[in-house]
Amino acid sequence: MRTSLGILIAALVATACGGTSSASPGSGPAANVIQFGGAFGTAYSPAALTVKVGDTVTWQGDFGAHPLVSGAACGQPDGNFAASSGSTFSFTFTKTGTYPYYCNVHCSLGMKGAVTVQ
């Protein structure tokens, strides 16, 4: 009983500390949500997320204040995805790779992240 409780606590702590998600396709975007703005300020939470091919990732926040742009360097979009209005944006990843993104307004402050697709 004590060992099982320890494993459960360790799993909960890892999840709460921004562990990555690897939900299977079709499990819905709730398993792959990235939040920003508000209580998160100029940061994405989690900043790094790992998903599988076919998974959908949903960003939640204020895109008017924090326009989302895919690309590895500030001011250099790669055209994979972008959102500049609303409060929710979802994108389904169909190929393996690493997909960096940033806030077009706060990139120089370090508001960047990446989705790794396996």
N, C-alpha and C. Protein backbone atom coordinates (compact mmCIF):
# COMPACT_ATOMS: atom_id res chain seq x y z
N MET A 1 0.83 -1.19 0.00
CA MET A 1 0.00 0.00 0.00
C MET A 1 0.87 1.25 0.00
N ARG A 2 1.89 1.28 0.85
CA ARG A 2 2.76 2.44 0.95
C ARG A 2 3.50 2.68 -0.36
N THR A 3 3.97 1.63 -1.03
CA THR A 3 4.68 1.77 -2.30
C THR A 3 3.75 2.32 -3.37
N SER A 4 2.52 1.82 -3.44
CA SER A 4 1.56 2.31 -4.43
C SER A 4 1.26 3.78 -4.21
N LEU A 5 1.12 4.19 -2.96
CA LEU A 5 0.86 5.59 -2.65
C LEU A 5 2.03 6.46 -3.08
N GLY A 6 3.25 6.00 -2.85
CA GLY A 6 4.44 6.74 -3.27
C GLY A 6 4.51 6.91 -4.78
N ILE A 7 4.17 5.87 -5.52
CA ILE A 7 4.17 5.94 -6.98
C ILE A 7 3.11 6.92 -7.45
N LEU A 8 1.93 6.87 -6.85
CA LEU A 8 0.86 7.79 -7.21
C LEU A 8 1.26 9.24 -6.94
N ILE A 9 1.86 9.49 -5.80
CA ILE A 9 2.29 10.85 -5.46
C ILE A 9 3.35 11.33 -6.45
N ALA A 10 4.30 10.48 -6.78
CA ALA A 10 5.35 10.85 -7.74
C ALA A 10 4.75 11.17 -9.10
N ALA A 11 3.77 10.41 -9.54
CA ALA A 11 3.13 10.67 -10.83
C ALA A 11 2.38 11.99 -10.80
N LEU A 12 1.69 12.27 -9.71
CA LEU A 12 0.95 13.53 -9.59
C LEU A 12 1.89 14.72 -9.57
N VAL A 13 3.01 14.60 -8.88
CA VAL A 13 3.99 15.69 -8.82
C VAL A 13 4.58 15.93 -10.21
N ALA A 14 4.92 14.89 -10.93
CA ALA A 14 5.48 15.04 -12.27
C ALA A 14 4.50 15.73 -13.19
N THR A 15 3.23 15.38 -13.10
CA THR A 15 2.22 16.00 -13.93
C THR A 15 2.05 17.47 -13.56
N ALA A 16 1.99 17.77 -12.28
CA ALA A 16 1.80 19.15 -11.82
C ALA A 16 2.98 20.04 -12.17
N CYS A 17 4.16 19.46 -12.31
CA CYS A 17 5.35 20.25 -12.60
C CYS A 17 5.60 20.41 -14.09
N GLY A 18 4.57 20.14 -14.90
CA GLY A 18 4.72 20.39 -16.33
C GLY A 18 5.28 19.23 -17.10
N GLY A 19 5.02 18.02 -16.66
CA GLY A 19 5.44 16.85 -17.41
C GLY A 19 4.80 16.85 -18.78
N THR A 20 5.34 16.09 -19.69
CA THR A 20 4.80 16.08 -21.03
C THR A 20 3.63 15.13 -21.13
N SER A 21 2.81 15.39 -22.13
CA SER A 21 1.65 14.55 -22.38
C SER A 21 1.93 13.70 -23.60
N SER A 22 1.46 12.48 -23.58
CA SER A 22 1.60 11.63 -24.76
C SER A 22 0.30 10.87 -24.96
N ALA A 23 -0.80 11.59 -24.93
CA ALA A 23 -2.10 10.97 -25.12
C ALA A 23 -2.20 10.38 -26.52
N SER A 24 -2.96 9.33 -26.66
CA SER A 24 -3.09 8.68 -27.95
C SER A 24 -4.04 9.46 -28.83
N PRO A 25 -3.92 9.30 -30.16
CA PRO A 25 -4.81 10.01 -31.06
C PRO A 25 -6.27 9.70 -30.72
N GLY A 26 -7.10 10.72 -30.88
CA GLY A 26 -8.51 10.54 -30.61
C GLY A 26 -8.88 10.73 -29.16
N SER A 27 -7.90 11.01 -28.31
CA SER A 27 -8.20 11.16 -26.89
C SER A 27 -8.74 12.55 -26.59
N GLY A 28 -8.77 13.43 -27.60
CA GLY A 28 -9.31 14.77 -27.41
C GLY A 28 -8.23 15.75 -27.01
N PRO A 29 -8.45 17.02 -27.31
CA PRO A 29 -7.44 18.03 -27.05
C PRO A 29 -7.23 18.34 -25.58
N ALA A 30 -8.14 17.94 -24.70
CA ALA A 30 -7.99 18.27 -23.28
C ALA A 30 -6.69 17.73 -22.71
N ALA A 31 -6.19 16.63 -23.25
CA ALA A 31 -4.95 16.02 -22.77
C ALA A 31 -3.72 16.81 -23.24
N ASN A 32 -3.89 17.66 -24.25
CA ASN A 32 -2.77 18.38 -24.84
C ASN A 32 -3.06 19.87 -24.89
N VAL A 33 -3.20 20.48 -23.72
CA VAL A 33 -3.54 21.90 -23.63
C VAL A 33 -2.33 22.70 -23.16
N ILE A 34 -2.06 23.81 -23.84
CA ILE A 34 -1.01 24.74 -23.46
C ILE A 34 -1.71 26.05 -23.11
N GLN A 35 -1.46 26.53 -21.90
CA GLN A 35 -2.09 27.77 -21.45
C GLN A 35 -1.06 28.89 -21.38
N PHE A 36 -1.54 30.14 -21.49
CA PHE A 36 -0.64 31.29 -21.42
C PHE A 36 -1.43 32.53 -21.04
N GLY A 37 -0.70 33.59 -20.70
CA GLY A 37 -1.34 34.84 -20.30
C GLY A 37 -1.99 34.69 -18.94
N GLY A 38 -2.68 35.71 -18.50
CA GLY A 38 -3.35 35.66 -17.20
C GLY A 38 -2.37 35.30 -16.10
N ALA A 39 -2.69 34.26 -15.34
CA ALA A 39 -1.84 33.81 -14.24
C ALA A 39 -0.47 33.32 -14.73
N PHE A 40 -0.37 32.95 -16.01
CA PHE A 40 0.88 32.43 -16.56
C PHE A 40 1.78 33.54 -17.09
N GLY A 41 1.26 34.77 -17.19
CA GLY A 41 2.05 35.90 -17.66
C GLY A 41 2.58 35.67 -19.06
N THR A 42 3.86 35.96 -19.25
CA THR A 42 4.48 35.80 -20.56
C THR A 42 5.22 34.47 -20.63
N ALA A 43 4.48 33.41 -20.35
CA ALA A 43 5.04 32.05 -20.41
C ALA A 43 3.97 31.09 -20.90
N TYR A 44 4.40 30.04 -21.55
CA TYR A 44 3.51 28.96 -21.95
C TYR A 44 3.61 27.86 -20.91
N SER A 45 2.48 27.25 -20.58
CA SER A 45 2.48 26.17 -19.59
C SER A 45 1.68 24.98 -20.10
N PRO A 46 2.38 23.88 -20.42
CA PRO A 46 3.83 23.69 -20.38
C PRO A 46 4.49 24.31 -21.61
N ALA A 47 5.74 24.67 -21.49
CA ALA A 47 6.49 25.24 -22.61
C ALA A 47 6.93 24.16 -23.58
N ALA A 48 7.12 22.95 -23.10
CA ALA A 48 7.50 21.81 -23.94
C ALA A 48 6.45 20.73 -23.80
N LEU A 49 5.99 20.23 -24.91
CA LEU A 49 4.95 19.21 -24.92
C LEU A 49 5.32 18.16 -25.96
N THR A 50 5.17 16.89 -25.61
CA THR A 50 5.42 15.80 -26.54
C THR A 50 4.11 15.09 -26.82
N VAL A 51 3.81 14.92 -28.12
CA VAL A 51 2.58 14.27 -28.55
C VAL A 51 2.89 13.25 -29.63
N LYS A 52 1.87 12.56 -30.07
CA LYS A 52 2.03 11.58 -31.14
C LYS A 52 1.45 12.13 -32.44
N VAL A 53 1.88 11.59 -33.56
CA VAL A 53 1.33 11.97 -34.85
C VAL A 53 -0.19 11.77 -34.80
N GLY A 54 -0.92 12.77 -35.26
CA GLY A 54 -2.37 12.71 -35.25
C GLY A 54 -3.01 13.38 -34.05
N ASP A 55 -2.20 13.72 -33.04
CA ASP A 55 -2.74 14.40 -31.86
C ASP A 55 -3.02 15.87 -32.17
N THR A 56 -3.99 16.41 -31.45
CA THR A 56 -4.33 17.82 -31.54
C THR A 56 -3.87 18.52 -30.27
N VAL A 57 -3.22 19.66 -30.45
CA VAL A 57 -2.80 20.50 -29.32
C VAL A 57 -3.66 21.74 -29.33
N THR A 58 -4.11 22.15 -28.14
CA THR A 58 -4.94 23.34 -28.01
C THR A 58 -4.23 24.35 -27.13
N TRP A 59 -4.09 25.58 -27.63
CA TRP A 59 -3.56 26.68 -26.86
C TRP A 59 -4.74 27.48 -26.32
N GLN A 60 -4.66 27.89 -25.05
CA GLN A 60 -5.72 28.66 -24.43
C GLN A 60 -5.14 29.91 -23.80
N GLY A 61 -5.66 31.07 -24.18
CA GLY A 61 -5.21 32.35 -23.65
C GLY A 61 -5.78 33.47 -24.48
N ASP A 62 -5.20 34.64 -24.40
CA ASP A 62 -5.65 35.80 -25.14
C ASP A 62 -4.71 36.03 -26.31
N PHE A 63 -5.14 35.60 -27.51
CA PHE A 63 -4.28 35.74 -28.69
C PHE A 63 -4.16 37.18 -29.15
N GLY A 64 -5.11 38.06 -28.74
CA GLY A 64 -4.99 39.47 -29.07
C GLY A 64 -3.78 40.10 -28.39
N ALA A 65 -3.53 39.71 -27.14
CA ALA A 65 -2.38 40.22 -26.38
C ALA A 65 -1.13 39.39 -26.62
N HIS A 66 -1.30 38.13 -27.00
CA HIS A 66 -0.18 37.20 -27.17
C HIS A 66 -0.34 36.42 -28.49
N PRO A 67 -0.14 37.08 -29.65
CA PRO A 67 -0.31 36.38 -30.92
C PRO A 67 0.65 35.20 -31.05
N LEU A 68 0.12 34.04 -31.37
CA LEU A 68 0.89 32.80 -31.49
C LEU A 68 1.42 32.66 -32.91
N VAL A 69 2.72 32.37 -33.03
CA VAL A 69 3.35 32.21 -34.33
C VAL A 69 4.28 31.01 -34.27
N SER A 70 4.21 30.14 -35.28
CA SER A 70 5.16 29.03 -35.32
C SER A 70 6.45 29.50 -35.97
N GLY A 71 7.56 29.06 -35.40
CA GLY A 71 8.87 29.42 -35.93
C GLY A 71 9.92 29.31 -34.85
N ALA A 72 11.16 29.11 -35.26
CA ALA A 72 12.25 28.90 -34.31
C ALA A 72 12.85 30.19 -33.79
N ALA A 73 12.73 31.28 -34.53
CA ALA A 73 13.36 32.53 -34.12
C ALA A 73 12.34 33.66 -34.10
N CYS A 74 12.49 34.55 -33.16
CA CYS A 74 11.59 35.71 -33.04
C CYS A 74 11.53 36.46 -34.38
N GLY A 75 10.33 36.75 -34.82
CA GLY A 75 10.15 37.52 -36.05
C GLY A 75 10.39 36.73 -37.33
N GLN A 76 10.57 35.41 -37.22
CA GLN A 76 10.80 34.60 -38.41
C GLN A 76 9.83 33.42 -38.44
N PRO A 77 8.55 33.69 -38.77
CA PRO A 77 7.55 32.62 -38.81
C PRO A 77 7.88 31.59 -39.88
N ASP A 78 7.50 30.33 -39.60
CA ASP A 78 7.74 29.28 -40.58
C ASP A 78 6.45 28.88 -41.32
N GLY A 79 5.32 29.47 -40.92
CA GLY A 79 4.08 29.24 -41.65
C GLY A 79 3.30 27.99 -41.27
N ASN A 80 3.75 27.24 -40.27
CA ASN A 80 3.03 26.03 -39.90
C ASN A 80 1.69 26.33 -39.25
N PHE A 81 1.63 27.32 -38.34
CA PHE A 81 0.38 27.71 -37.70
C PHE A 81 0.54 29.08 -37.08
N ALA A 82 -0.59 29.74 -36.84
CA ALA A 82 -0.59 31.06 -36.21
C ALA A 82 -2.00 31.37 -35.71
N ALA A 83 -2.10 32.19 -34.69
CA ALA A 83 -3.38 32.65 -34.17
C ALA A 83 -3.19 34.04 -33.59
N SER A 84 -4.07 34.98 -33.97
CA SER A 84 -3.93 36.34 -33.48
C SER A 84 -5.22 36.91 -32.90
N SER A 85 -6.25 36.09 -32.78
CA SER A 85 -7.48 36.55 -32.16
C SER A 85 -8.17 35.37 -31.48
N GLY A 86 -9.08 35.70 -30.57
CA GLY A 86 -9.80 34.66 -29.85
C GLY A 86 -9.05 34.20 -28.61
N SER A 87 -9.56 33.10 -28.03
CA SER A 87 -8.95 32.60 -26.80
C SER A 87 -8.60 31.12 -26.87
N THR A 88 -8.92 30.46 -27.97
CA THR A 88 -8.60 29.04 -28.13
C THR A 88 -8.17 28.79 -29.57
N PHE A 89 -7.09 28.05 -29.72
CA PHE A 89 -6.60 27.67 -31.04
C PHE A 89 -6.13 26.23 -30.97
N SER A 90 -6.55 25.41 -31.92
CA SER A 90 -6.14 24.00 -31.96
C SER A 90 -5.46 23.69 -33.28
N PHE A 91 -4.46 22.81 -33.20
CA PHE A 91 -3.72 22.39 -34.39
C PHE A 91 -3.45 20.91 -34.28
N THR A 92 -3.71 20.16 -35.35
CA THR A 92 -3.46 18.72 -35.38
C THR A 92 -2.13 18.49 -36.11
N PHE A 93 -1.23 17.78 -35.44
CA PHE A 93 0.11 17.51 -35.97
C PHE A 93 0.10 16.20 -36.74
N THR A 94 0.46 16.26 -38.02
CA THR A 94 0.38 15.09 -38.89
C THR A 94 1.73 14.49 -39.26
N LYS A 95 2.82 15.15 -38.85
CA LYS A 95 4.17 14.66 -39.15
C LYS A 95 5.04 14.74 -37.91
N THR A 96 6.00 13.82 -37.82
CA THR A 96 6.95 13.86 -36.71
C THR A 96 7.85 15.09 -36.85
N GLY A 97 8.42 15.50 -35.74
CA GLY A 97 9.34 16.62 -35.76
C GLY A 97 9.15 17.50 -34.54
N THR A 98 9.93 18.56 -34.47
CA THR A 98 9.80 19.55 -33.40
C THR A 98 9.27 20.83 -34.02
N TYR A 99 8.23 21.36 -33.40
CA TYR A 99 7.54 22.53 -33.90
C TYR A 99 7.67 23.66 -32.87
N PRO A 100 8.66 24.53 -33.02
CA PRO A 100 8.81 25.65 -32.10
C PRO A 100 7.76 26.72 -32.40
N TYR A 101 7.44 27.51 -31.38
CA TYR A 101 6.49 28.61 -31.54
C TYR A 101 6.83 29.70 -30.54
N TYR A 102 6.24 30.89 -30.75
CA TYR A 102 6.52 32.01 -29.86
C TYR A 102 5.36 33.00 -29.89
N CYS A 103 5.36 33.89 -28.90
CA CYS A 103 4.43 35.01 -28.87
C CYS A 103 5.07 36.12 -29.70
N ASN A 104 4.36 36.61 -30.68
CA ASN A 104 4.91 37.62 -31.57
C ASN A 104 5.22 38.94 -30.85
N VAL A 105 4.57 39.19 -29.72
CA VAL A 105 4.80 40.42 -28.96
C VAL A 105 5.87 40.24 -27.89
N HIS A 106 5.91 39.08 -27.25
CA HIS A 106 6.78 38.86 -26.09
C HIS A 106 7.91 37.86 -26.32
N CYS A 107 8.21 37.58 -27.55
CA CYS A 107 9.26 36.60 -27.86
C CYS A 107 10.60 37.02 -27.25
N SER A 108 10.93 38.30 -27.34
CA SER A 108 12.23 38.77 -26.80
C SER A 108 12.29 38.64 -25.28
N LEU A 109 11.13 38.46 -24.63
CA LEU A 109 11.09 38.24 -23.18
C LEU A 109 11.16 36.75 -22.84
N GLY A 110 11.28 35.92 -23.88
CA GLY A 110 11.40 34.49 -23.65
C GLY A 110 10.10 33.72 -23.75
N MET A 111 9.04 34.33 -24.28
CA MET A 111 7.76 33.63 -24.41
C MET A 111 7.81 32.75 -25.65
N LYS A 112 8.36 31.55 -25.43
CA LYS A 112 8.59 30.59 -26.51
C LYS A 112 8.22 29.19 -25.99
N GLY A 113 7.98 28.29 -26.92
CA GLY A 113 7.72 26.91 -26.56
C GLY A 113 7.97 26.01 -27.76
N ALA A 114 7.72 24.71 -27.56
CA ALA A 114 7.88 23.77 -28.65
C ALA A 114 7.02 22.54 -28.41
N VAL A 115 6.48 22.01 -29.51
CA VAL A 115 5.75 20.75 -29.48
C VAL A 115 6.61 19.75 -30.24
N THR A 116 6.90 18.63 -29.60
CA THR A 116 7.64 17.55 -30.25
C THR A 116 6.65 16.46 -30.61
N VAL A 117 6.65 16.06 -31.87
CA VAL A 117 5.73 15.04 -32.36
C VAL A 117 6.51 13.78 -32.67
N GLN A 118 6.11 12.69 -32.02
CA GLN A 118 6.82 11.41 -32.21
C GLN A 118 5.98 10.45 -33.02
